[in-house]
Each structure stands twice: as structure tokens, then as C-alpha cells.
C-alpha atoms as a PDB file:
ATOM      1  CA  MET A   1     122.567 -70.636  44.579  1.00  0.00           C
ATOM      2  CA  ALA A   2     125.776 -70.291  43.284  1.00  0.00           C
ATOM      3  CA  LYS A   3     126.715 -67.477  42.003  1.00  0.00           C
ATOM      4  CA  ARG A   4     127.009 -68.187  37.403  1.00  0.00           C
ATOM      5  CA  ALA A   5     129.277 -66.945  35.776  1.00  0.00           C
ATOM      6  CA  SER A   6     129.347 -63.953  33.340  1.00  0.00           C
ATOM      7  CA  LYS A   7     127.966 -64.460  29.839  1.00  0.00           C
ATOM      8  CA  GLY A   8     130.664 -65.849  27.655  1.00  0.00           C
ATOM      9  CA  LYS A   9     133.914 -66.622  30.431  1.00  0.00           C
ATOM     10  CA  MET A  10     134.826 -70.194  29.981  1.00  0.00           C
ATOM     11  CA  LEU A  11     137.881 -71.962  30.636  1.00  0.00           C
ATOM     12  CA  ARG A  12     139.513 -74.642  28.784  1.00  0.00           C
ATOM     13  CA  ILE A  13     141.043 -77.137  30.844  1.00  0.00           C
ATOM     14  CA  THR A  14     143.025 -80.043  29.429  1.00  0.00           C
ATOM     15  CA  LEU A  15     144.357 -83.238  31.564  1.00  0.00           C
ATOM     16  CA  VAL A  16     148.208 -83.334  30.740  1.00  0.00           C
ATOM     17  CA  ARG A  17     148.787 -85.711  33.613  1.00  0.00           C
ATOM     18  CA  SER A  18     147.288 -89.187  34.740  1.00  0.00           C
ATOM     19  CA  PRO A  19     146.082 -89.573  38.099  1.00  0.00           C
ATOM     20  CA  ILE A  20     146.800 -93.207  38.464  1.00  0.00           C
ATOM     21  CA  GLY A  21     149.046 -92.757  41.978  1.00  0.00           C
ATOM     22  CA  TYR A  22     147.061 -89.647  43.312  1.00  0.00           C
ATOM     23  CA  ASN A  23     144.326 -90.550  46.087  1.00  0.00           C
ATOM     24  CA  LYS A  24     140.874 -90.775  45.010  1.00  0.00           C
ATOM     25  CA  LYS A  25     139.871 -87.053  45.883  1.00  0.00           C
ATOM     26  CA  GLN A  26     142.116 -85.771  43.384  1.00  0.00           C
ATOM     27  CA  LYS A  27     141.200 -88.514  40.745  1.00  0.00           C
ATOM     28  CA  GLY A  28     137.086 -87.372  41.452  1.00  0.00           C
ATOM     29  CA  THR A  29     137.710 -83.893  41.056  1.00  0.00           C
ATOM     30  CA  VAL A  30     139.067 -84.836  37.909  1.00  0.00           C
ATOM     31  CA  ARG A  31     135.993 -87.093  36.740  1.00  0.00           C
ATOM     32  CA  ALA A  32     133.930 -83.713  37.784  1.00  0.00           C
ATOM     33  CA  LEU A  33     135.656 -81.868  35.616  1.00  0.00           C
ATOM     34  CA  GLY A  34     134.612 -84.172  32.584  1.00  0.00           C
ATOM     35  CA  LEU A  35     138.490 -85.207  31.685  1.00  0.00           C
ATOM     36  CA  ARG A  36     138.231 -88.540  31.104  1.00  0.00           C
ATOM     37  CA  ARG A  37     141.554 -88.898  29.165  1.00  0.00           C
ATOM     38  CA  LEU A  38     144.710 -87.733  29.152  1.00  0.00           C
ATOM     39  CA  ASN A  39     145.254 -84.894  26.906  1.00  0.00           C
ATOM     40  CA  GLN A  40     141.368 -84.370  27.011  1.00  0.00           C
ATOM     41  CA  THR A  41     140.197 -80.456  26.470  1.00  0.00           C
ATOM     42  CA  VAL A  42     137.283 -79.422  28.273  1.00  0.00           C
ATOM     43  CA  GLU A  43     135.208 -76.347  28.444  1.00  0.00           C
ATOM     44  CA  GLN A  44     133.602 -75.082  32.262  1.00  0.00           C
ATOM     45  CA  PRO A  45     132.403 -72.088  33.056  1.00  0.00           C
ATOM     46  CA  ASP A  46     134.702 -69.560  34.642  1.00  0.00           C
ATOM     47  CA  ALA A  47     132.916 -69.816  38.744  1.00  0.00           C
ATOM     48  CA  PRO A  48     134.757 -69.680  42.133  1.00  0.00           C
ATOM     49  CA  GLU A  49     133.339 -73.698  42.152  1.00  0.00           C
ATOM     50  CA  ILE A  50     135.213 -74.710  39.594  1.00  0.00           C
ATOM     51  CA  ARG A  51     138.492 -72.994  39.680  1.00  0.00           C
ATOM     52  CA  GLY A  52     138.744 -74.602  43.190  1.00  0.00           C
ATOM     53  CA  MET A  53     138.916 -77.541  41.645  1.00  0.00           C
ATOM     54  CA  ILE A  54     141.099 -76.719  39.736  1.00  0.00           C
ATOM     55  CA  THR A  55     143.785 -75.266  42.019  1.00  0.00           C
ATOM     56  CA  LYS A  56     143.321 -78.748  43.826  1.00  0.00           C
ATOM     57  CA  ILE A  57     144.268 -80.489  40.982  1.00  0.00           C
ATOM     58  CA  GLN A  58     147.163 -77.936  39.311  1.00  0.00           C
ATOM     59  CA  HIS A  59     149.508 -80.538  39.165  1.00  0.00           C
ATOM     60  CA  LEU A  60     147.658 -82.434  36.546  1.00  0.00           C
ATOM     61  CA  VAL A  61     146.072 -80.091  34.424  1.00  0.00           C
ATOM     62  CA  GLN A  62     146.696 -76.869  32.318  1.00  0.00           C
ATOM     63  CA  VAL A  63     143.985 -74.293  32.458  1.00  0.00           C
ATOM     64  CA  GLU A  64     143.617 -71.318  29.059  1.00  0.00           C
ATOM     65  CA  GLU A  65     140.952 -68.636  29.970  1.00  0.00           C
END
């Protein structure tokens, strides 16, 4: 099983650039994070899996802890 984030640690992820023109994997990562439209913000747990996804699309998103 994957490790769970400790209590209350969340990341606010905002899509600041469109994934149009990038490859399918990057578009899929944006969708998997729950981002559907520009300037949408979602909260995800601070987990290694989420951090890895953010690293792959760091040029498209803004992250706040």
C-alpha cells in the first residue's frame, strides 16, 4: 500500500498554462490531478505520488503548500 500523507498536509494545485500542444502523457497527468480548466485549483494530499505528477507538469501548474 502507498503511504498516506500525514494529517492535514495538502497541496493547492492551480493550472496556469494550457496543456494544449503538449504530449498525451502530460495532458493525462493534468486530468489525473483533477484539473479540467485553466485557473482551476484543486487540493491534493502531499504524497510522493502527487509530487511526482507535479514534477512532470511543473511548467503548467502553480503549487502552494
